[in-house]
C-alpha atoms as a PDB file:
ATOM      1  CA  UNK A   1       0.000   0.000   0.000  1.00  0.00           C
ATOM      2  CA  UNK A   2       2.772   2.432   0.897  1.00  0.00           C
ATOM      3  CA  UNK A   3       4.558   1.886  -2.406  1.00  0.00           C
ATOM      4  CA  UNK A   4       1.325   2.415  -4.349  1.00  0.00           C
ATOM      5  CA  UNK A   5       0.592   5.676  -2.557  1.00  0.00           C
ATOM      6  CA  UNK A   6       4.147   6.874  -2.923  1.00  0.00           C
ATOM      7  CA  UNK A   7       4.164   6.310  -6.669  1.00  0.00           C
ATOM      8  CA  UNK A   8       0.616   7.341  -7.573  1.00  0.00           C
ATOM      9  CA  UNK A   9      -0.678  10.864  -8.110  1.00  0.00           C
ATOM     10  CA  UNK A  10       2.486  12.916  -7.913  1.00  0.00           C
ATOM     11  CA  UNK A  11       1.930  16.292  -6.253  1.00  0.00           C
ATOM     12  CA  UNK A  12       3.997  19.457  -6.320  1.00  0.00           C
ATOM     13  CA  UNK A  13       4.565  21.297  -3.036  1.00  0.00           C
ATOM     14  CA  UNK A  14       2.137  23.981  -4.173  1.00  0.00           C
ATOM     15  CA  UNK A  15      -0.539  21.352  -4.861  1.00  0.00           C
ATOM     16  CA  UNK A  16      -0.233  19.892  -1.375  1.00  0.00           C
ATOM     17  CA  UNK A  17      -0.152  23.353   0.178  1.00  0.00           C
ATOM     18  CA  UNK A  18      -3.208  24.703  -1.621  1.00  0.00           C
ATOM     19  CA  UNK A  19      -5.276  21.619  -0.873  1.00  0.00           C
ATOM     20  CA  UNK A  20      -4.799  22.233   2.841  1.00  0.00           C
ATOM     21  CA  UNK A  21      -4.811  26.039   2.967  1.00  0.00           C
ATOM     22  CA  UNK A  22      -1.091  26.292   3.687  1.00  0.00           C
ATOM     23  CA  UNK A  23       1.933  27.960   2.175  1.00  0.00           C
ATOM     24  CA  UNK A  24       4.488  25.897   0.284  1.00  0.00           C
ATOM     25  CA  UNK A  25       7.066  26.949   2.877  1.00  0.00           C
ATOM     26  CA  UNK A  26       4.900  25.474   5.629  1.00  0.00           C
ATOM     27  CA  UNK A  27       4.798  22.164   3.774  1.00  0.00           C
ATOM     28  CA  UNK A  28       8.588  22.211   3.404  1.00  0.00           C
ATOM     29  CA  UNK A  29       8.946  23.051   7.094  1.00  0.00           C
ATOM     30  CA  UNK A  30       6.717  20.134   8.076  1.00  0.00           C
ATOM     31  CA  UNK A  31       8.809  17.802   5.955  1.00  0.00           C
ATOM     32  CA  UNK A  32      12.036  19.136   7.460  1.00  0.00           C
ATOM     33  CA  UNK A  33      10.582  18.620  10.945  1.00  0.00           C
ATOM     34  CA  UNK A  34       9.756  14.975  10.215  1.00  0.00           C
ATOM     35  CA  UNK A  35       6.004  15.572  10.341  1.00  0.00           C
ATOM     36  CA  UNK A  36       5.768  14.477   6.712  1.00  0.00           C
ATOM     37  CA  UNK A  37       7.741  11.647   5.146  1.00  0.00           C
ATOM     38  CA  UNK A  38      10.687  12.715   3.018  1.00  0.00           C
ATOM     39  CA  UNK A  39       9.664  13.886  -0.446  1.00  0.00           C
ATOM     40  CA  UNK A  40      10.862  12.290  -3.635  1.00  0.00           C
ATOM     41  CA  UNK A  41      13.035  14.364  -5.950  1.00  0.00           C
ATOM     42  CA  UNK A  42      12.894  14.810  -9.686  1.00  0.00           C
ATOM     43  CA  UNK A  43      15.999  14.532 -11.820  1.00  0.00           C
ATOM     44  CA  UNK A  44      16.324  18.313 -11.566  1.00  0.00           C
ATOM     45  CA  UNK A  45      16.015  18.232  -7.740  1.00  0.00           C
ATOM     46  CA  UNK A  46      12.420  19.422  -7.310  1.00  0.00           C
ATOM     47  CA  UNK A  47      10.312  17.934  -4.513  1.00  0.00           C
ATOM     48  CA  UNK A  48       7.359  15.757  -5.417  1.00  0.00           C
ATOM     49  CA  UNK A  49       4.786  14.441  -3.010  1.00  0.00           C
ATOM     50  CA  UNK A  50       2.282  11.595  -3.169  1.00  0.00           C
ATOM     51  CA  UNK A  51      -1.116  10.833  -1.636  1.00  0.00           C
ATOM     52  CA  UNK A  52       0.727   9.338   1.350  1.00  0.00           C
ATOM     53  CA  UNK A  53       2.112  12.798   2.128  1.00  0.00           C
ATOM     54  CA  UNK A  54      -1.373  14.257   1.853  1.00  0.00           C
ATOM     55  CA  UNK A  55      -2.643  11.650   4.326  1.00  0.00           C
ATOM     56  CA  UNK A  56       0.200  12.548   6.704  1.00  0.00           C
ATOM     57  CA  UNK A  57      -0.586  16.229   6.470  1.00  0.00           C
ATOM     58  CA  UNK A  58      -4.296  15.615   7.087  1.00  0.00           C
ATOM     59  CA  UNK A  59      -3.432  13.527  10.139  1.00  0.00           C
ATOM     60  CA  UNK A  60      -1.163  16.214  11.557  1.00  0.00           C
ATOM     61  CA  UNK A  61      -3.678  19.004  10.999  1.00  0.00           C
ATOM     62  CA  UNK A  62      -6.411  16.874  12.586  1.00  0.00           C
ATOM     63  CA  UNK A  63      -4.242  16.122  15.624  1.00  0.00           C
ATOM     64  CA  UNK A  64      -3.397  19.781  16.240  1.00  0.00           C
ATOM     65  CA  UNK A  65      -6.657  20.978  17.884  1.00  0.00           C
ATOM     66  CA  UNK A  66      -6.758  18.175  20.422  1.00  0.00           C
ATOM     67  CA  UNK A  67      -3.079  17.581  21.159  1.00  0.00           C
ATOM     68  CA  UNK A  68      -1.364  20.889  20.390  1.00  0.00           C
ATOM     69  CA  UNK A  69       1.545  21.476  18.031  1.00  0.00           C
ATOM     70  CA  UNK A  70       4.303  19.916  20.106  1.00  0.00           C
ATOM     71  CA  UNK A  71       2.521  16.641  20.819  1.00  0.00           C
ATOM     72  CA  UNK A  72       0.999  16.365  17.335  1.00  0.00           C
ATOM     73  CA  UNK A  73       4.437  16.831  15.774  1.00  0.00           C
ATOM     74  CA  UNK A  74       5.951  14.239  18.119  1.00  0.00           C
ATOM     75  CA  UNK A  75       3.230  11.733  17.192  1.00  0.00           C
ATOM     76  CA  UNK A  76       3.844  12.211  13.476  1.00  0.00           C
ATOM     77  CA  UNK A  77       7.616  12.004  13.825  1.00  0.00           C
ATOM     78  CA  UNK A  78       7.268   8.733  15.702  1.00  0.00           C
ATOM     79  CA  UNK A  79       5.030   7.269  13.004  1.00  0.00           C
ATOM     80  CA  UNK A  80       7.363   8.380  10.221  1.00  0.00           C
ATOM     81  CA  UNK A  81      10.369   6.744  11.842  1.00  0.00           C
ATOM     82  CA  UNK A  82       8.349   3.512  12.124  1.00  0.00           C
ATOM     83  CA  UNK A  83       7.967   3.829  15.907  1.00  0.00           C
ATOM     84  CA  UNK A  84       4.197   3.342  15.900  1.00  0.00           C
ATOM     85  CA  UNK A  85       4.071   2.172  19.513  1.00  0.00           C
ATOM     86  CA  UNK A  86       5.743   5.421  20.594  1.00  0.00           C
ATOM     87  CA  UNK A  87       3.160   7.381  18.634  1.00  0.00           C
ATOM     88  CA  UNK A  88       0.266   5.484  20.211  1.00  0.00           C
ATOM     89  CA  UNK A  89       1.722   6.039  23.664  1.00  0.00           C
ATOM     90  CA  UNK A  90       1.771   9.787  23.001  1.00  0.00           C
ATOM     91  CA  UNK A  91      -1.855   9.635  21.917  1.00  0.00           C
ATOM     92  CA  UNK A  92      -2.716   7.743  25.108  1.00  0.00           C
ATOM     93  CA  UNK A  93      -0.878  10.336  27.189  1.00  0.00           C
ATOM     94  CA  UNK A  94      -2.958  13.074  25.581  1.00  0.00           C
ATOM     95  CA  UNK A  95      -6.171  11.298  26.532  1.00  0.00           C
ATOM     96  CA  UNK A  96      -4.854  10.705  30.059  1.00  0.00           C
ATOM     97  CA  UNK A  97      -4.117  14.427  30.402  1.00  0.00           C
ATOM     98  CA  UNK A  98      -7.617  15.256  29.189  1.00  0.00           C
ATOM     99  CA  UNK A  99      -9.083  12.926  31.796  1.00  0.00           C
ATOM    100  CA  UNK A 100      -6.931  14.559  34.460  1.00  0.00           C
ATOM    101  CA  UNK A 101      -8.148  17.980  33.320  1.00  0.00           C
ATOM    102  CA  UNK A 102     -11.744  16.788  33.603  1.00  0.00           C
ATOM    103  CA  UNK A 103     -11.079  15.628  37.137  1.00  0.00           C
ATOM    104  CA  UNK A 104      -9.483  18.986  37.886  1.00  0.00           C
ATOM    105  CA  UNK A 105     -12.589  20.768  36.628  1.00  0.00           C
ATOM    106  CA  UNK A 106     -14.773  18.567  38.793  1.00  0.00           C
ATOM    107  CA  UNK A 107     -12.573  19.362  41.780  1.00  0.00           C
ATOM    108  CA  UNK A 108     -12.862  23.091  41.083  1.00  0.00           C
ATOM    109  CA  UNK A 109     -16.641  22.821  40.737  1.00  0.00           C
ATOM    110  CA  UNK A 110     -16.765  20.979  44.036  1.00  0.00           C
ATOM    111  CA  UNK A 111     -14.529  23.594  45.657  1.00  0.00           C
ATOM    112  CA  UNK A 112     -16.684  26.413  44.316  1.00  0.00           C
ATOM    113  CA  UNK A 113     -19.800  24.659  45.592  1.00  0.00           C
ATOM    114  CA  UNK A 114     -18.304  24.620  49.060  1.00  0.00           C
ATOM    115  CA  UNK A 115     -17.182  28.250  49.056  1.00  0.00           C
ATOM    116  CA  UNK A 116     -18.829  30.078  51.929  1.00  0.00           C
ATOM    117  CA  UNK A 117     -17.713  32.916  54.191  1.00  0.00           C
ATOM    118  CA  UNK A 118     -15.191  31.426  56.575  1.00  0.00           C
ATOM    119  CA  UNK A 119     -14.998  32.507  60.199  1.00  0.00           C
ATOM    120  CA  UNK A 120     -11.634  33.348  61.723  1.00  0.00           C
ATOM    121  CA  UNK A 121     -10.022  30.245  63.088  1.00  0.00           C
ATOM    122  CA  UNK A 122      -6.766  29.053  64.445  1.00  0.00           C
ATOM    123  CA  UNK A 123      -4.268  27.030  62.483  1.00  0.00           C
ATOM    124  CA  UNK A 124      -2.860  29.791  60.301  1.00  0.00           C
ATOM    125  CA  UNK A 125      -0.231  28.654  57.790  1.00  0.00           C
ATOM    126  CA  UNK A 126       3.088  30.133  56.770  1.00  0.00           C
ATOM    127  CA  UNK A 127       4.193  30.285  53.161  1.00  0.00           C
ATOM    128  CA  UNK A 128       6.326  27.132  53.290  1.00  0.00           C
ATOM    129  CA  UNK A 129       3.580  24.952  54.731  1.00  0.00           C
ATOM    130  CA  UNK A 130       0.989  26.206  52.256  1.00  0.00           C
ATOM    131  CA  UNK A 131       3.371  25.722  49.343  1.00  0.00           C
ATOM    132  CA  UNK A 132       3.958  22.121  50.407  1.00  0.00           C
ATOM    133  CA  UNK A 133       0.214  21.524  50.686  1.00  0.00           C
ATOM    134  CA  UNK A 134      -0.300  22.763  47.119  1.00  0.00           C
ATOM    135  CA  UNK A 135       2.817  21.112  45.721  1.00  0.00           C
ATOM    136  CA  UNK A 136       4.259  24.404  44.449  1.00  0.00           C
ATOM    137  CA  UNK A 137       7.247  26.581  45.308  1.00  0.00           C
ATOM    138  CA  UNK A 138       6.975  29.369  47.899  1.00  0.00           C
ATOM    139  CA  UNK A 139       8.069  31.780  45.172  1.00  0.00           C
ATOM    140  CA  UNK A 140       4.891  30.917  43.249  1.00  0.00           C
ATOM    141  CA  UNK A 141       2.741  32.038  46.184  1.00  0.00           C
ATOM    142  CA  UNK A 142       4.634  35.326  46.252  1.00  0.00           C
ATOM    143  CA  UNK A 143       3.913  35.807  42.540  1.00  0.00           C
ATOM    144  CA  UNK A 144       0.244  35.097  43.209  1.00  0.00           C
ATOM    145  CA  UNK A 145       0.284  37.668  45.980  1.00  0.00           C
ATOM    146  CA  UNK A 146       1.718  40.291  43.623  1.00  0.00           C
ATOM    147  CA  UNK A 147      -1.035  39.439  41.122  1.00  0.00           C
ATOM    148  CA  UNK A 148      -3.744  39.808  43.783  1.00  0.00           C
ATOM    149  CA  UNK A 149      -4.750  36.142  43.958  1.00  0.00           C
ATOM    150  CA  UNK A 150      -3.909  35.796  47.626  1.00  0.00           C
ATOM    151  CA  UNK A 151      -3.654  38.427  50.344  1.00  0.00           C
ATOM    152  CA  UNK A 152      -1.782  37.020  53.321  1.00  0.00           C
ATOM    153  CA  UNK A 153      -1.334  39.005  56.491  1.00  0.00           C
ATOM    154  CA  UNK A 154       1.997  39.753  58.100  1.00  0.00           C
ATOM    155  CA  UNK A 155       2.974  38.529  61.521  1.00  0.00           C
ATOM    156  CA  UNK A 156       3.542  41.776  63.479  1.00  0.00           C
ATOM    157  CA  UNK A 157       6.518  40.328  65.339  1.00  0.00           C
ATOM    158  CA  UNK A 158       8.385  38.481  62.580  1.00  0.00           C
ATOM    159  CA  UNK A 159       7.031  40.053  59.393  1.00  0.00           C
ATOM    160  CA  UNK A 160       6.382  36.583  57.969  1.00  0.00           C
ATOM    161  CA  UNK A 161       3.421  36.015  55.666  1.00  0.00           C
ATOM    162  CA  UNK A 162       0.513  34.331  57.449  1.00  0.00           C
ATOM    163  CA  UNK A 163      -2.273  32.604  55.501  1.00  0.00           C
ATOM    164  CA  UNK A 164      -5.555  32.438  57.354  1.00  0.00           C
ATOM    165  CA  UNK A 165      -8.439  30.100  56.514  1.00  0.00           C
ATOM    166  CA  UNK A 166      -9.885  32.363  53.808  1.00  0.00           C
ATOM    167  CA  UNK A 167      -6.425  32.897  52.325  1.00  0.00           C
ATOM    168  CA  UNK A 168      -5.859  29.145  52.158  1.00  0.00           C
ATOM    169  CA  UNK A 169      -9.231  28.745  50.440  1.00  0.00           C
ATOM    170  CA  UNK A 170      -8.288  31.387  47.867  1.00  0.00           C
ATOM    171  CA  UNK A 171      -4.925  29.732  47.281  1.00  0.00           C
ATOM    172  CA  UNK A 172      -6.535  26.325  46.775  1.00  0.00           C
ATOM    173  CA  UNK A 173      -9.034  27.726  44.309  1.00  0.00           C
ATOM    174  CA  UNK A 174      -6.353  29.701  42.465  1.00  0.00           C
ATOM    175  CA  UNK A 175      -4.227  26.562  42.209  1.00  0.00           C
ATOM    176  CA  UNK A 176      -7.089  24.598  40.669  1.00  0.00           C
ATOM    177  CA  UNK A 177      -7.882  27.350  38.184  1.00  0.00           C
ATOM    178  CA  UNK A 178      -4.240  27.635  37.179  1.00  0.00           C
ATOM    179  CA  UNK A 179      -4.238  23.901  36.475  1.00  0.00           C
ATOM    180  CA  UNK A 180      -7.269  24.529  34.302  1.00  0.00           C
ATOM    181  CA  UNK A 181      -5.205  26.833  32.105  1.00  0.00           C
ATOM    182  CA  UNK A 182      -6.420  30.213  33.325  1.00  0.00           C
ATOM    183  CA  UNK A 183      -4.069  33.168  33.520  1.00  0.00           C
ATOM    184  CA  UNK A 184      -3.302  35.093  36.685  1.00  0.00           C
ATOM    185  CA  UNK A 185      -4.966  38.197  35.309  1.00  0.00           C
ATOM    186  CA  UNK A 186      -8.145  36.177  34.669  1.00  0.00           C
ATOM    187  CA  UNK A 187      -8.230  34.622  38.120  1.00  0.00           C
ATOM    188  CA  UNK A 188      -7.455  37.691  40.246  1.00  0.00           C
ATOM    189  CA  UNK A 189     -10.646  39.688  39.537  1.00  0.00           C
ATOM    190  CA  UNK A 190     -12.793  36.614  40.046  1.00  0.00           C
ATOM    191  CA  UNK A 191     -11.289  35.906  43.433  1.00  0.00           C
ATOM    192  CA  UNK A 192     -11.644  39.586  44.334  1.00  0.00           C
ATOM    193  CA  UNK A 193     -15.354  39.419  43.483  1.00  0.00           C
ATOM    194  CA  UNK A 194     -15.799  36.208  45.450  1.00  0.00           C
ATOM    195  CA  UNK A 195     -14.178  37.846  48.476  1.00  0.00           C
ATOM    196  CA  UNK A 196     -16.209  41.036  48.242  1.00  0.00           C
ATOM    197  CA  UNK A 197     -19.548  39.525  47.277  1.00  0.00           C
ATOM    198  CA  UNK A 198     -19.324  36.403  49.399  1.00  0.00           C
ATOM    199  CA  UNK A 199     -20.590  34.328  46.464  1.00  0.00           C
ATOM    200  CA  UNK A 200     -19.377  32.292  43.530  1.00  0.00           C
ATOM    201  CA  UNK A 201     -21.431  33.721  40.679  1.00  0.00           C
ATOM    202  CA  UNK A 202     -18.384  35.216  38.916  1.00  0.00           C
ATOM    203  CA  UNK A 203     -16.960  31.724  38.489  1.00  0.00           C
ATOM    204  CA  UNK A 204     -20.015  30.113  36.954  1.00  0.00           C
ATOM    205  CA  UNK A 205     -19.401  31.426  33.447  1.00  0.00           C
ATOM    206  CA  UNK A 206     -15.728  30.481  33.580  1.00  0.00           C
ATOM    207  CA  UNK A 207     -16.485  26.937  34.687  1.00  0.00           C
ATOM    208  CA  UNK A 208     -19.089  26.515  31.937  1.00  0.00           C
ATOM    209  CA  UNK A 209     -16.564  27.764  29.376  1.00  0.00           C
ATOM    210  CA  UNK A 210     -13.912  25.427  30.767  1.00  0.00           C
ATOM    211  CA  UNK A 211     -16.251  22.434  30.434  1.00  0.00           C
ATOM    212  CA  UNK A 212     -17.159  23.435  26.866  1.00  0.00           C
ATOM    213  CA  UNK A 213     -13.468  23.682  25.933  1.00  0.00           C
ATOM    214  CA  UNK A 214     -12.782  20.233  27.372  1.00  0.00           C
ATOM    215  CA  UNK A 215     -15.673  18.784  25.367  1.00  0.00           C
ATOM    216  CA  UNK A 216     -14.395  20.452  22.194  1.00  0.00           C
ATOM    217  CA  UNK A 217     -10.922  19.102  22.859  1.00  0.00           C
ATOM    218  CA  UNK A 218     -12.321  15.609  23.395  1.00  0.00           C
ATOM    219  CA  UNK A 219     -14.129  15.708  20.061  1.00  0.00           C
ATOM    220  CA  UNK A 220     -11.012  17.064  18.379  1.00  0.00           C
ATOM    221  CA  UNK A 221      -9.028  14.126  19.748  1.00  0.00           C
ATOM    222  CA  UNK A 222     -11.560  11.755  18.216  1.00  0.00           C
ATOM    223  CA  UNK A 223     -11.159  13.450  14.830  1.00  0.00           C
ATOM    224  CA  UNK A 224      -7.383  13.362  15.171  1.00  0.00           C
ATOM    225  CA  UNK A 225      -7.420   9.676  16.043  1.00  0.00           C
ATOM    226  CA  UNK A 226      -9.541   8.900  12.975  1.00  0.00           C
ATOM    227  CA  UNK A 227      -7.170  10.774  10.656  1.00  0.00           C
ATOM    228  CA  UNK A 228      -4.133   9.143  12.259  1.00  0.00           C
ATOM    229  CA  UNK A 229      -5.735   5.717  11.845  1.00  0.00           C
ATOM    230  CA  UNK A 230      -6.251   6.449   8.146  1.00  0.00           C
ATOM    231  CA  UNK A 231      -2.611   7.458   7.789  1.00  0.00           C
ATOM    232  CA  UNK A 232      -1.404   4.332   9.581  1.00  0.00           C
ATOM    233  CA  UNK A 233      -3.519   2.216   7.244  1.00  0.00           C
ATOM    234  CA  UNK A 234      -2.064   4.052   4.256  1.00  0.00           C
ATOM    235  CA  UNK A 235       1.433   3.255   5.505  1.00  0.00           C
ATOM    236  CA  UNK A 236       0.516  -0.356   6.018  1.00  0.00           C
ATOM    237  CA  UNK A 237       0.940  -0.196   9.805  1.00  0.00           C
ATOM    238  CA  UNK A 238      -1.467  -2.918  10.851  1.00  0.00           C
ATOM    239  CA  UNK A 239      -0.260  -2.928  14.433  1.00  0.00           C
ATOM    240  CA  UNK A 240       1.365  -5.893  16.071  1.00  0.00           C
ATOM    241  CA  UNK A 241      -0.831  -7.929  18.417  1.00  0.00           C
END
């Protein structure tokens, strides 16, 4: 099958580019990056492509929305060097990350559902202890403070940052939202509104958008998998049992 597709229907770089809404330089760049198989050359040195290259390009473009450029390129490079198992592992890792992101969203929704005004209580935390609880560096908490995500108090005797119950809640919620891909400048005003209004309404739209983006990414991964399967078939990669 691979030999038939390589020899049938010769395509110029411009033909392959136009069919996919790309520039000829982009096609050459994809070939140089290993995303496409190496082109054949005419006696005068010009590149020629075949339907197999078109199938590779369709697979890569289909993988992009769900996996991102870096992962999609790595998947295609693995296939083109005949390391199909490596490519499938990368696909699996993408789905595992999506599942983890879904669980993160569910955790944020649960955290938001539990957000209520918190009374003062003992058990304040210093920056090191809170950083360990979140699994981040203390420097990250200081960056969040500068961005307005958290507002720790200062111990009057030592000057150390002290995180009270409400501050810990804000830090936990900020951490979850950061894992969801939101920027500091997006999170800060929402947390400020939650603190001032004592409610979670500002987060409802963000969480709905987050869920919609995860669903779109899931569907994109399905489309990418279908195109990759077609390309593997075209190459004759049946898959070892």
